Structures are given as structure tokens and as C-alpha cells.
N, C-alpha and C. Protein backbone atom coordinates (compact mmCIF):
# COMPACT_ATOMS: atom_id res chain seq x y z
N MET A 1 41.88 -12.94 -11.61
CA MET A 1 40.93 -12.88 -10.46
C MET A 1 40.18 -12.04 -10.32
N ARG A 2 40.90 -10.81 -10.99
CA ARG A 2 40.19 -9.61 -10.80
C ARG A 2 38.81 -10.38 -11.98
N ALA A 3 38.70 -10.58 -12.96
CA ALA A 3 37.71 -10.49 -13.68
C ALA A 3 37.14 -11.73 -12.97
N ALA A 4 37.21 -12.96 -12.11
CA ALA A 4 36.21 -13.39 -11.19
C ALA A 4 35.62 -12.87 -9.98
N ARG A 5 36.44 -11.60 -9.82
CA ARG A 5 35.62 -11.34 -8.94
C ARG A 5 34.41 -10.44 -9.13
N THR A 6 34.88 -9.42 -10.38
CA THR A 6 33.98 -8.80 -10.93
C THR A 6 32.53 -9.47 -11.08
N LEU A 7 32.81 -10.57 -11.83
CA LEU A 7 31.84 -11.91 -11.93
C LEU A 7 30.90 -12.02 -10.92
N ALA A 8 31.51 -12.48 -9.67
CA ALA A 8 30.64 -12.34 -8.51
C ALA A 8 30.09 -11.46 -8.16
N VAL A 9 30.79 -10.20 -7.97
CA VAL A 9 29.88 -9.27 -7.89
C VAL A 9 28.47 -8.93 -9.11
N THR A 10 28.86 -9.02 -9.72
CA THR A 10 27.68 -8.47 -10.58
C THR A 10 26.48 -9.77 -10.83
N ALA A 11 27.25 -10.98 -10.65
CA ALA A 11 26.36 -12.24 -10.41
C ALA A 11 25.09 -12.12 -9.31
N THR A 12 25.79 -11.65 -8.16
CA THR A 12 25.00 -11.60 -6.79
C THR A 12 24.06 -10.44 -7.21
N ALA A 13 24.71 -9.14 -7.73
CA ALA A 13 24.05 -7.69 -8.01
C ALA A 13 22.53 -8.24 -8.59
N ILE A 14 22.65 -9.30 -9.83
CA ILE A 14 21.49 -9.21 -10.97
C ILE A 14 20.89 -10.47 -10.22
N ALA A 15 21.03 -11.06 -9.22
CA ALA A 15 20.49 -12.05 -8.52
C ALA A 15 19.53 -11.50 -7.80
N ALA A 16 19.73 -9.85 -7.17
CA ALA A 16 18.87 -9.35 -6.04
C ALA A 16 18.16 -8.76 -6.70
N VAL A 17 18.18 -8.30 -7.74
CA VAL A 17 17.47 -7.24 -8.41
C VAL A 17 16.00 -8.43 -9.08
N GLY A 18 17.03 -9.43 -9.85
CA GLY A 18 15.58 -10.50 -10.21
C GLY A 18 14.61 -10.81 -9.19
N LEU A 19 15.33 -10.70 -7.96
CA LEU A 19 14.71 -11.86 -6.61
C LEU A 19 13.52 -10.61 -6.57
N ALA A 20 14.05 -9.50 -6.42
CA ALA A 20 12.99 -8.23 -5.56
C ALA A 20 11.94 -7.63 -6.85
N ALA A 21 12.65 -7.54 -7.99
CA ALA A 21 11.37 -7.43 -9.72
C ALA A 21 10.05 -8.16 -9.16
N PRO A 22 9.76 -9.44 -8.82
CA PRO A 22 8.21 -10.16 -9.10
C PRO A 22 7.62 -9.26 -7.90
N LEU A 23 8.50 -9.41 -6.70
CA LEU A 23 7.73 -8.60 -5.15
C LEU A 23 7.21 -7.19 -6.29
N ALA A 24 8.00 -6.77 -6.57
CA ALA A 24 7.52 -5.47 -7.05
C ALA A 24 6.46 -4.95 -8.23
N ALA A 25 6.47 -6.19 -9.16
CA ALA A 25 5.70 -5.89 -9.92
C ALA A 25 4.39 -6.51 -9.45
N ALA A 26 3.78 -7.20 -8.31
CA ALA A 26 3.29 -7.62 -7.66
C ALA A 26 2.41 -6.95 -6.79
N THR A 27 3.09 -6.19 -6.93
CA THR A 27 2.10 -4.81 -5.03
C THR A 27 1.17 -3.80 -6.33
N ASN A 28 1.34 -3.59 -7.70
CA ASN A 28 0.49 -3.08 -8.15
C ASN A 28 -0.71 -3.67 -8.99
N GLY A 29 -1.71 -3.47 -8.40
CA GLY A 29 -3.22 -3.88 -8.96
C GLY A 29 -3.97 -3.98 -10.30
N PRO A 30 -4.79 -3.83 -10.70
CA PRO A 30 -5.33 -3.34 -12.05
C PRO A 30 -5.41 -1.84 -11.72
N THR A 31 -5.17 -1.13 -12.53
CA THR A 31 -5.48 1.09 -12.45
C THR A 31 -6.02 0.99 -13.42
N THR A 32 -7.22 0.20 -14.44
CA THR A 32 -8.12 0.75 -14.87
C THR A 32 -8.60 -0.35 -15.40
N VAL A 33 -10.29 -0.20 -15.13
CA VAL A 33 -11.25 -1.26 -15.42
C VAL A 33 -12.45 -0.75 -16.21
N LEU A 34 -12.75 -1.23 -17.64
CA LEU A 34 -14.04 -0.67 -18.73
C LEU A 34 -15.40 -1.40 -18.33
N SER A 35 -16.07 -0.66 -18.82
CA SER A 35 -17.34 -1.14 -18.21
C SER A 35 -18.50 0.09 -19.19
N GLY A 36 -19.46 -0.51 -19.45
CA GLY A 36 -20.41 -0.16 -20.44
C GLY A 36 -19.91 -0.36 -21.99
N GLY A 37 -20.90 -0.73 -22.14
CA GLY A 37 -20.79 -1.27 -23.86
C GLY A 37 -20.14 0.80 -24.69
N ASN A 38 -20.27 -0.25 -25.68
CA ASN A 38 -19.75 0.90 -26.43
C ASN A 38 -20.89 1.20 -27.76
N SER A 39 -22.26 2.34 -27.09
CA SER A 39 -22.90 2.13 -27.98
C SER A 39 -23.31 2.71 -29.29
N GLY A 40 -21.92 2.43 -30.10
CA GLY A 40 -21.97 2.79 -31.37
C GLY A 40 -22.10 4.43 -31.57
N GLY A 41 -21.83 5.11 -30.37
CA GLY A 41 -21.45 6.34 -30.77
C GLY A 41 -20.23 6.96 -30.79
N ASN A 42 -20.04 8.41 -31.24
CA ASN A 42 -18.92 8.68 -31.36
C ASN A 42 -18.53 9.76 -29.67
N GLY A 43 -19.18 9.01 -29.18
CA GLY A 43 -19.21 10.44 -27.89
C GLY A 43 -19.89 11.58 -27.54
N GLY A 44 -20.52 11.66 -28.55
CA GLY A 44 -21.47 13.15 -29.61
C GLY A 44 -22.44 13.46 -28.65
N GLY A 45 -23.69 12.81 -28.31
CA GLY A 45 -24.66 13.40 -27.72
C GLY A 45 -24.79 13.42 -26.32
N ASN A 46 -26.06 13.33 -25.72
CA ASN A 46 -25.58 13.17 -24.67
C ASN A 46 -26.50 11.89 -24.44
N GLY A 47 -26.43 10.82 -25.22
CA GLY A 47 -26.88 9.38 -25.22
C GLY A 47 -27.28 8.75 -24.32
N GLY A 48 -26.12 8.81 -23.31
CA GLY A 48 -26.39 8.51 -21.80
C GLY A 48 -24.26 8.07 -21.88
N PRO A 49 -23.89 7.90 -20.92
CA PRO A 49 -22.32 7.36 -20.70
C PRO A 49 -22.22 6.15 -21.01
N THR A 50 -20.86 5.79 -21.61
CA THR A 50 -20.05 4.65 -22.08
C THR A 50 -19.14 4.24 -21.67
N ASP A 51 -18.56 3.26 -21.55
CA ASP A 51 -16.64 3.51 -21.37
C ASP A 51 -16.56 3.93 -20.46
N VAL A 52 -16.76 3.87 -19.27
CA VAL A 52 -16.45 4.30 -17.99
C VAL A 52 -15.57 3.38 -17.17
N THR A 53 -14.12 4.40 -16.92
CA THR A 53 -13.29 3.56 -16.34
C THR A 53 -13.19 4.50 -14.77
N VAL A 54 -12.36 3.67 -14.10
CA VAL A 54 -11.99 4.24 -12.33
C VAL A 54 -10.66 3.73 -12.36
N ASN A 55 -9.99 4.87 -12.24
CA ASN A 55 -8.51 4.86 -11.43
C ASN A 55 -8.30 5.51 -10.51
N PRO A 56 -7.13 5.09 -9.70
CA PRO A 56 -7.74 3.60 -9.66
C PRO A 56 -8.55 2.67 -9.35
N TYR A 57 -8.21 1.44 -9.43
CA TYR A 57 -9.26 0.59 -9.21
C TYR A 57 -9.65 0.24 -7.56
N ASP A 58 -8.32 0.01 -6.81
CA ASP A 58 -8.11 -0.13 -5.47
C ASP A 58 -7.78 1.32 -5.12
N VAL A 59 -8.64 1.42 -3.69
CA VAL A 59 -8.16 2.87 -3.17
C VAL A 59 -8.35 3.08 -1.64
N HIS A 60 -7.61 3.86 -0.70
CA HIS A 60 -7.74 3.12 0.16
C HIS A 60 -8.80 4.41 0.99
N PRO A 61 -9.19 4.31 2.49
CA PRO A 61 -10.10 5.64 2.60
C PRO A 61 -9.59 6.35 2.68
N GLY A 62 -10.35 7.69 2.27
CA GLY A 62 -9.76 9.15 2.68
C GLY A 62 -9.47 9.22 1.06
N SER A 63 -8.61 7.90 0.19
CA SER A 63 -7.93 8.43 -1.58
C SER A 63 -8.97 8.90 -1.87
N THR A 64 -8.52 9.60 -3.46
CA THR A 64 -9.33 10.01 -4.95
C THR A 64 -9.27 9.09 -5.59
N LEU A 65 -10.54 8.96 -6.28
CA LEU A 65 -10.62 8.41 -7.48
C LEU A 65 -11.15 9.08 -8.91
N THR A 66 -10.22 8.83 -9.71
CA THR A 66 -10.94 9.15 -10.79
C THR A 66 -11.88 8.70 -11.97
N ILE A 67 -12.91 9.17 -12.03
CA ILE A 67 -13.99 8.59 -12.88
C ILE A 67 -13.97 9.23 -14.70
N THR A 68 -13.81 8.49 -15.14
CA THR A 68 -13.87 8.97 -16.42
C THR A 68 -15.13 8.34 -17.52
N ALA A 69 -15.77 9.37 -18.10
CA ALA A 69 -16.91 8.22 -18.36
C ALA A 69 -17.28 9.01 -20.25
N ARG A 70 -17.39 8.45 -21.45
CA ARG A 70 -17.34 8.95 -22.67
C ARG A 70 -18.88 9.22 -22.85
N GLY A 71 -19.41 10.24 -23.87
CA GLY A 71 -20.67 10.71 -24.28
C GLY A 71 -21.89 11.51 -23.00
N CYS A 72 -21.19 12.43 -22.30
CA CYS A 72 -21.59 12.75 -21.27
C CYS A 72 -20.77 14.35 -22.04
N ASN A 73 -21.82 15.28 -22.82
CA ASN A 73 -20.85 16.38 -23.82
C ASN A 73 -21.85 17.31 -22.50
N ARG A 74 -22.69 17.78 -22.11
CA ARG A 74 -23.39 18.48 -21.06
C ARG A 74 -22.76 18.09 -19.39
N GLY A 75 -21.88 17.38 -19.45
CA GLY A 75 -21.80 16.73 -17.51
C GLY A 75 -22.68 16.03 -16.85
N GLY A 76 -22.68 15.53 -16.24
CA GLY A 76 -23.39 14.63 -15.57
C GLY A 76 -23.23 14.51 -13.80
N THR A 77 -23.54 13.51 -13.20
CA THR A 77 -23.02 12.55 -11.97
C THR A 77 -22.94 11.60 -11.06
N VAL A 78 -21.58 11.15 -10.79
CA VAL A 78 -21.61 10.10 -10.18
C VAL A 78 -21.90 9.90 -8.81
N THR A 79 -22.37 9.30 -8.79
CA THR A 79 -23.02 8.66 -7.16
C THR A 79 -22.85 7.55 -6.65
N SER A 80 -22.24 6.78 -5.10
CA SER A 80 -21.85 5.71 -4.47
C SER A 80 -21.92 5.79 -3.09
N ASN A 81 -22.15 4.83 -2.09
CA ASN A 81 -21.87 5.01 -1.11
C ASN A 81 -20.79 4.92 -0.34
N ALA A 82 -19.79 5.29 -1.39
CA ALA A 82 -18.35 5.47 -0.59
C ALA A 82 -17.69 6.66 -0.79
N PHE A 83 -18.07 8.02 -1.26
CA PHE A 83 -17.93 8.89 -1.54
C PHE A 83 -19.45 10.11 -2.11
N PRO A 84 -19.39 11.20 -1.62
CA PRO A 84 -20.47 12.11 -1.98
C PRO A 84 -20.43 12.20 -3.24
N GLU A 85 -22.00 12.41 -3.64
CA GLU A 85 -22.33 12.67 -5.12
C GLU A 85 -21.35 13.88 -6.05
N THR A 86 -20.49 13.00 -6.99
CA THR A 86 -19.50 13.93 -8.14
C THR A 86 -20.23 14.29 -9.21
N ASN A 87 -19.82 15.59 -9.39
CA ASN A 87 -20.27 16.32 -11.10
C ASN A 87 -18.89 15.82 -11.75
N LEU A 88 -19.87 15.26 -13.30
CA LEU A 88 -18.88 14.76 -14.60
C LEU A 88 -18.92 16.42 -14.87
N SER A 89 -17.61 16.56 -15.70
CA SER A 89 -17.60 17.75 -16.29
C SER A 89 -17.87 17.62 -18.08
N GLY A 90 -18.30 18.84 -18.13
CA GLY A 90 -19.09 18.80 -19.48
C GLY A 90 -17.78 19.17 -20.56
N ASN A 91 -18.11 18.59 -21.82
CA ASN A 91 -17.08 19.05 -22.66
C ASN A 91 -17.54 18.67 -23.90
N ASN A 92 -16.73 19.29 -25.29
CA ASN A 92 -17.32 18.83 -26.99
C ASN A 92 -16.32 17.85 -26.98
N ASN A 93 -15.72 17.28 -26.54
CA ASN A 93 -14.43 15.71 -26.81
C ASN A 93 -15.60 15.06 -26.90
N GLY A 94 -16.51 14.44 -25.89
CA GLY A 94 -17.08 13.41 -25.62
C GLY A 94 -16.50 12.84 -24.48
N VAL A 95 -15.32 13.06 -24.09
CA VAL A 95 -14.73 12.55 -22.48
C VAL A 95 -15.02 13.49 -21.27
N SER A 96 -15.63 13.15 -20.58
CA SER A 96 -15.85 13.85 -19.17
C SER A 96 -15.35 12.66 -17.78
N THR A 97 -14.54 13.97 -16.94
CA THR A 97 -14.58 13.38 -15.34
C THR A 97 -14.54 13.97 -14.37
N ALA A 98 -14.23 12.96 -13.46
CA ALA A 98 -14.59 13.42 -12.11
C ALA A 98 -14.05 12.91 -11.47
N VAL A 99 -13.20 13.86 -10.28
CA VAL A 99 -12.98 13.57 -8.75
C VAL A 99 -13.32 13.33 -8.02
N ALA A 100 -13.21 11.90 -7.47
CA ALA A 100 -14.45 11.98 -6.02
C ALA A 100 -13.28 11.28 -4.57
N ARG A 101 -13.37 11.87 -3.76
CA ARG A 101 -12.60 11.07 -2.61
C ARG A 101 -13.68 10.45 -1.92
N VAL A 102 -12.92 8.83 -1.49
CA VAL A 102 -13.49 8.34 -0.43
C VAL A 102 -13.84 8.24 0.80
N TYR A 103 -14.90 8.12 1.59
CA TYR A 103 -15.03 8.45 2.77
C TYR A 103 -14.11 8.28 3.71
N ASN A 104 -13.58 8.44 4.87
CA ASN A 104 -12.88 8.32 5.77
C ASN A 104 -12.82 6.73 6.62
N HIS A 105 -14.19 7.11 6.78
CA HIS A 105 -14.80 5.79 7.57
C HIS A 105 -15.56 4.80 6.31
N ALA A 106 -15.18 4.64 5.33
CA ALA A 106 -15.57 3.82 4.51
C ALA A 106 -15.26 2.72 4.68
N THR A 107 -16.03 1.84 4.64
CA THR A 107 -15.88 -0.17 5.29
C THR A 107 -14.72 -0.85 4.12
N PRO A 108 -13.82 -0.96 4.32
CA PRO A 108 -13.17 -1.55 2.93
C PRO A 108 -14.21 -2.71 2.28
N GLY A 109 -13.80 -2.88 1.26
CA GLY A 109 -15.02 -4.33 -0.06
C GLY A 109 -15.05 -3.75 -0.75
N ASN A 110 -16.31 -3.86 -1.86
CA ASN A 110 -15.99 -4.00 -3.49
C ASN A 110 -17.30 -3.17 -3.07
N TYR A 111 -17.44 -1.52 -4.29
CA TYR A 111 -18.55 -1.41 -3.98
C TYR A 111 -18.86 -0.71 -5.51
N ASN A 112 -20.07 -0.14 -5.64
CA ASN A 112 -20.37 0.15 -7.33
C ASN A 112 -20.60 1.72 -7.12
N LEU A 113 -19.81 2.21 -8.38
CA LEU A 113 -20.66 3.93 -8.99
C LEU A 113 -21.47 3.46 -9.90
N ALA A 114 -22.44 4.74 -9.91
CA ALA A 114 -23.34 4.76 -11.19
C ALA A 114 -22.63 6.21 -11.63
N VAL A 115 -23.03 6.16 -13.19
CA VAL A 115 -22.58 7.64 -14.02
C VAL A 115 -23.69 7.73 -14.68
N ARG A 116 -24.35 8.92 -14.33
CA ARG A 116 -25.69 9.43 -15.52
C ARG A 116 -25.43 11.07 -16.10
N CYS A 117 -25.04 10.88 -17.09
CA CYS A 117 -25.50 12.20 -17.73
C CYS A 117 -26.34 12.86 -17.75
N ASN A 118 -26.35 14.32 -17.83
CA ASN A 118 -27.38 15.31 -17.53
C ASN A 118 -28.41 15.53 -19.00
N GLY A 119 -29.42 14.70 -18.68
CA GLY A 119 -30.36 15.02 -19.95
C GLY A 119 -30.74 13.76 -20.32
N SER A 120 -30.15 12.66 -20.08
CA SER A 120 -30.36 11.02 -19.89
C SER A 120 -30.81 10.92 -18.40
N SER A 121 -31.37 9.53 -19.33
CA SER A 121 -31.53 8.47 -18.31
C SER A 121 -31.23 7.48 -17.58
N SER A 122 -30.68 7.07 -18.64
CA SER A 122 -28.87 6.03 -18.81
C SER A 122 -28.43 6.14 -17.69
N VAL A 123 -28.28 4.58 -17.11
CA VAL A 123 -27.29 5.00 -15.70
C VAL A 123 -26.22 3.58 -16.37
N VAL A 124 -24.96 3.99 -15.93
CA VAL A 124 -24.20 2.89 -16.34
C VAL A 124 -23.38 2.62 -15.17
N THR A 125 -22.99 1.50 -14.48
CA THR A 125 -22.21 1.31 -13.36
C THR A 125 -21.13 0.82 -13.66
N GLN A 126 -20.38 0.84 -12.15
CA GLN A 126 -18.92 0.29 -12.34
C GLN A 126 -18.11 0.15 -11.42
N SER A 127 -17.55 -0.94 -10.86
CA SER A 127 -17.04 -1.00 -9.50
C SER A 127 -15.71 -1.23 -9.40
N PHE A 128 -15.28 -0.91 -7.38
CA PHE A 128 -14.26 -0.50 -7.22
C PHE A 128 -14.05 -1.16 -6.26
N ARG A 129 -12.90 -1.13 -5.30
CA ARG A 129 -12.87 -1.90 -4.22
C ARG A 129 -12.32 -0.72 -3.17
N VAL A 130 -12.36 -0.66 -2.29
CA VAL A 130 -11.69 0.00 -1.18
C VAL A 130 -11.39 -0.92 0.08
N LEU A 131 -9.82 -0.68 0.23
CA LEU A 131 -9.07 -1.42 0.86
C LEU A 131 -8.85 -1.34 1.86
N PRO A 132 -8.41 -1.88 3.24
CA PRO A 132 -8.35 -1.78 4.51
C PRO A 132 -7.70 -0.96 5.09
N GLY A 133 -7.88 0.41 5.74
CA GLY A 133 -7.11 1.57 6.00
C GLY A 133 -5.71 1.29 6.82
N ARG A 134 -4.84 1.75 6.37
CA ARG A 134 -3.19 1.93 7.00
C ARG A 134 -3.21 3.10 7.11
N GLY A 135 -3.30 3.09 8.83
CA GLY A 135 -2.47 4.56 9.49
C GLY A 135 -0.39 4.43 8.80
N ALA A 136 -0.50 5.82 9.48
CA ALA A 136 1.06 6.09 9.23
C ALA A 136 1.71 5.23 9.88
N GLN A 137 3.33 4.17 8.96
CA GLN A 137 3.76 3.42 9.82
C GLN A 137 5.07 4.19 10.27
N GLY A 138 5.06 5.74 10.75
CA GLY A 138 5.96 6.19 11.42
C GLY A 138 6.27 6.07 12.91
N GLY A 139 7.35 5.83 13.08
CA GLY A 139 7.74 5.82 15.13
C GLY A 139 7.62 4.74 15.50
N LEU A 140 7.21 3.40 14.62
CA LEU A 140 6.67 2.03 15.20
C LEU A 140 7.96 1.34 15.52
N GLY A 141 8.85 2.17 15.63
CA GLY A 141 10.12 1.37 16.26
C GLY A 141 10.42 -0.45 16.11
N GLY A 142 10.33 -0.96 14.85
CA GLY A 142 10.16 -2.27 14.27
C GLY A 142 9.07 -3.58 15.15
N SER A 143 7.81 -2.57 15.31
CA SER A 143 6.66 -3.58 16.01
C SER A 143 6.65 -4.58 15.17
N LEU A 144 6.24 -3.65 13.89
CA LEU A 144 5.50 -4.76 12.60
C LEU A 144 6.57 -5.79 12.25
N ALA A 145 5.92 -6.99 11.37
CA ALA A 145 6.80 -7.94 11.56
C ALA A 145 6.88 -8.37 9.91
N PRO A 146 7.90 -8.23 9.22
CA PRO A 146 8.04 -8.42 7.92
C PRO A 146 7.23 -9.98 7.25
N SER A 147 6.08 -9.53 6.51
CA SER A 147 5.86 -10.37 5.56
C SER A 147 6.42 -12.01 5.18
N SER A 148 5.81 -12.80 4.93
CA SER A 148 6.06 -14.30 4.57
C SER A 148 7.07 -14.09 3.21
N THR A 149 6.33 -13.06 2.28
CA THR A 149 7.59 -12.40 0.81
C THR A 149 8.76 -12.06 1.36
N GLU A 150 8.72 -11.32 1.69
CA GLU A 150 10.09 -10.12 2.27
C GLU A 150 10.69 -11.09 2.94
N MET A 151 10.36 -11.75 4.02
CA MET A 151 11.26 -12.91 4.65
C MET A 151 11.97 -14.09 3.45
N ALA A 152 11.31 -14.74 2.66
CA ALA A 152 11.51 -15.70 1.40
C ALA A 152 13.13 -15.02 0.75
N ILE A 153 12.28 -13.54 0.26
CA ILE A 153 13.37 -12.83 -0.48
C ILE A 153 14.67 -12.93 0.73
N GLY A 154 14.65 -12.07 1.65
CA GLY A 154 15.63 -11.54 2.17
C GLY A 154 16.36 -12.91 2.69
N GLY A 155 15.82 -14.12 2.69
CA GLY A 155 16.33 -15.46 2.93
C GLY A 155 17.01 -15.88 1.51
N SER A 156 16.36 -15.54 0.64
CA SER A 156 17.34 -16.24 -0.52
C SER A 156 18.44 -15.75 -1.07
N LEU A 157 18.26 -14.07 -0.42
CA LEU A 157 19.71 -13.02 -1.14
C LEU A 157 21.01 -13.55 0.13
N VAL A 158 20.56 -13.70 1.51
CA VAL A 158 21.21 -14.16 2.48
C VAL A 158 22.32 -15.51 1.92
N ALA A 159 21.36 -16.65 1.21
CA ALA A 159 21.63 -17.69 0.61
C ALA A 159 22.86 -17.56 -0.09
N ALA A 160 22.50 -16.76 -1.13
CA ALA A 160 23.01 -16.53 -2.59
C ALA A 160 24.38 -15.79 -2.09
N ALA A 161 24.28 -14.66 -1.22
CA ALA A 161 25.57 -13.91 -0.73
C ALA A 161 26.46 -14.89 -0.29
N ALA A 162 25.66 -15.83 1.06
CA ALA A 162 26.67 -17.16 1.71
C ALA A 162 27.52 -17.95 0.34
N LEU A 163 26.13 -18.52 -0.13
CA LEU A 163 27.47 -19.18 -1.70
C LEU A 163 28.38 -18.60 -1.94
N GLY A 164 28.07 -16.96 -2.62
CA GLY A 164 28.96 -16.80 -3.42
C GLY A 164 30.48 -16.18 -2.65
N GLY A 165 30.29 -16.10 -1.24
CA GLY A 165 31.06 -15.84 -0.77
C GLY A 165 31.95 -17.65 -0.13
N GLY A 166 31.65 -18.46 -0.09
CA GLY A 166 31.99 -19.76 0.30
C GLY A 166 32.56 -19.96 -1.32
N LEU A 167 32.40 -19.52 -1.92
CA LEU A 167 32.88 -19.70 -3.69
C LEU A 167 34.20 -19.03 -3.78
N PHE A 168 33.96 -18.18 -3.02
CA PHE A 168 35.14 -16.97 -3.43
C PHE A 168 36.09 -17.18 -2.61
N VAL A 169 35.89 -17.75 -1.00
CA VAL A 169 37.13 -18.35 -0.51
C VAL A 169 37.75 -19.15 -1.06
N ALA A 170 36.90 -20.55 -1.15
CA ALA A 170 37.18 -21.60 -1.84
C ALA A 170 38.15 -21.85 -3.14
N ARG A 171 37.70 -20.84 -3.75
CA ARG A 171 38.79 -20.49 -4.95
C ARG A 171 39.83 -19.64 -4.29
N ARG A 172 40.04 -18.61 -3.59
CA ARG A 172 40.88 -17.97 -3.07
C ARG A 172 41.95 -19.17 -2.31
N ARG A 173 41.44 -19.60 -1.23
CA ARG A 173 43.12 -20.75 -1.13
C ARG A 173 43.08 -21.85 -1.52
N ARG A 174 42.61 -21.74 -3.16
CA ARG A 174 43.13 -23.11 -3.52
C ARG A 174 43.91 -22.08 -4.40
N VAL A 175 43.79 -21.08 -4.97
CA VAL A 175 44.89 -20.29 -5.90
C VAL A 175 46.34 -20.26 -4.78
N THR A 176 46.08 -19.92 -3.53
CA THR A 176 46.97 -19.69 -2.27
C THR A 176 47.49 -20.60 -2.02
N GLY A 177 47.19 -21.15 -1.53
CA GLY A 177 47.55 -22.94 -1.50
C GLY A 177 48.77 -23.62 -2.49
N ALA A 178 48.30 -23.15 -3.87
CA ALA A 178 49.14 -24.32 -4.93
C ALA A 178 50.51 -23.16 -5.00
N GLY A 179 50.67 -22.16 -4.30
CA GLY A 179 51.59 -21.16 -4.52
C GLY A 179 52.99 -21.16 -4.25
N VAL A 180 52.19 -22.18 -2.59
CA VAL A 180 53.42 -22.11 -1.34
C VAL A 180 54.11 -23.58 -1.23
């Protein structure tokens, strides 16, 4: 009997974690997007930017983007309509980075950024997405309704708990009634 209870509790816990895992995995969008060709260089000169990455791909207004480019040893600039012009760092390992803060008033949608190395006329573009702004949800007192995914997961967990409880009571009743 003790083993049955342990098994029921373990199965319920595994079901809860198993049902919540897809939701947790689904909330993360793409984090790195590669663009620009590999112009065959080792990133040694300032022949132009290659392998431009944007991390994260999806941002909210006021958030920061990290832009990484190869081939800009002497630095460069990153421009976009979503943030002010930003300078790429220059270094000898061939990888330059810049951090840009998206405007607070940026309109949600897809944007492009342009990377240009100092001393080069070559420009590589990369896209990213600005998501709708979300204010703090503190102090709303339950005025926000749960999403349909949250409702489906909650309903599944309640159904699993009811089924487990029903089986437990039926099994207990059978064992108790047999001894009388």
C-alpha cells in the first residue's frame, strides 16, 4: 500500500513537470541569427563585416541588443531606425561587439541594422524584431486573464489529480471493505 502511494505521488509529479516543460521550452525564441557570408577571411583585416549576429533576436522597447561581427579589427558602426548609432569595438582577434539600447518608443515590428567597418565601404545587414512593450504587471490584482495555454495546462493537471485521487479512494475502499 505504501508503494502504491509513493508511485501515485511520483506519477503525479512527473505528469506535472512533463506537462509544464513544453510551455517553458516554447517561450524562448531564437537567440542568435547569423547573416552575412563568410568572405573567406580569417577576420584579419578590415575588408568588411562578416558573420553578423544579433542576440537576442526578439527584444522589447528599452531592451539592449548585443551585435557581434567578424572582420572589423579597427571597429565600425552599427545603425538602425530602432536605436541610435552605436560603435563597434576594435580588436585584433577579428571579433567586434557593440551593445545598443532600443528606443523606449520603438514601434513593434521587424527592423534591420547595418554594420560597417571603419575603413571599408562594405555594409552587412541583419534583422531583428521589436516586440510590443509590456509594462510591469505588479499590483493589478488579478485583472489579467490567463492565456489559453495556461488554462489547458491547469485543466490537465486538475484532471490528472482528480483521476489519481479517484483511483486512490477506489483502491482504499476495496482494501478496507475486504477486511470487514
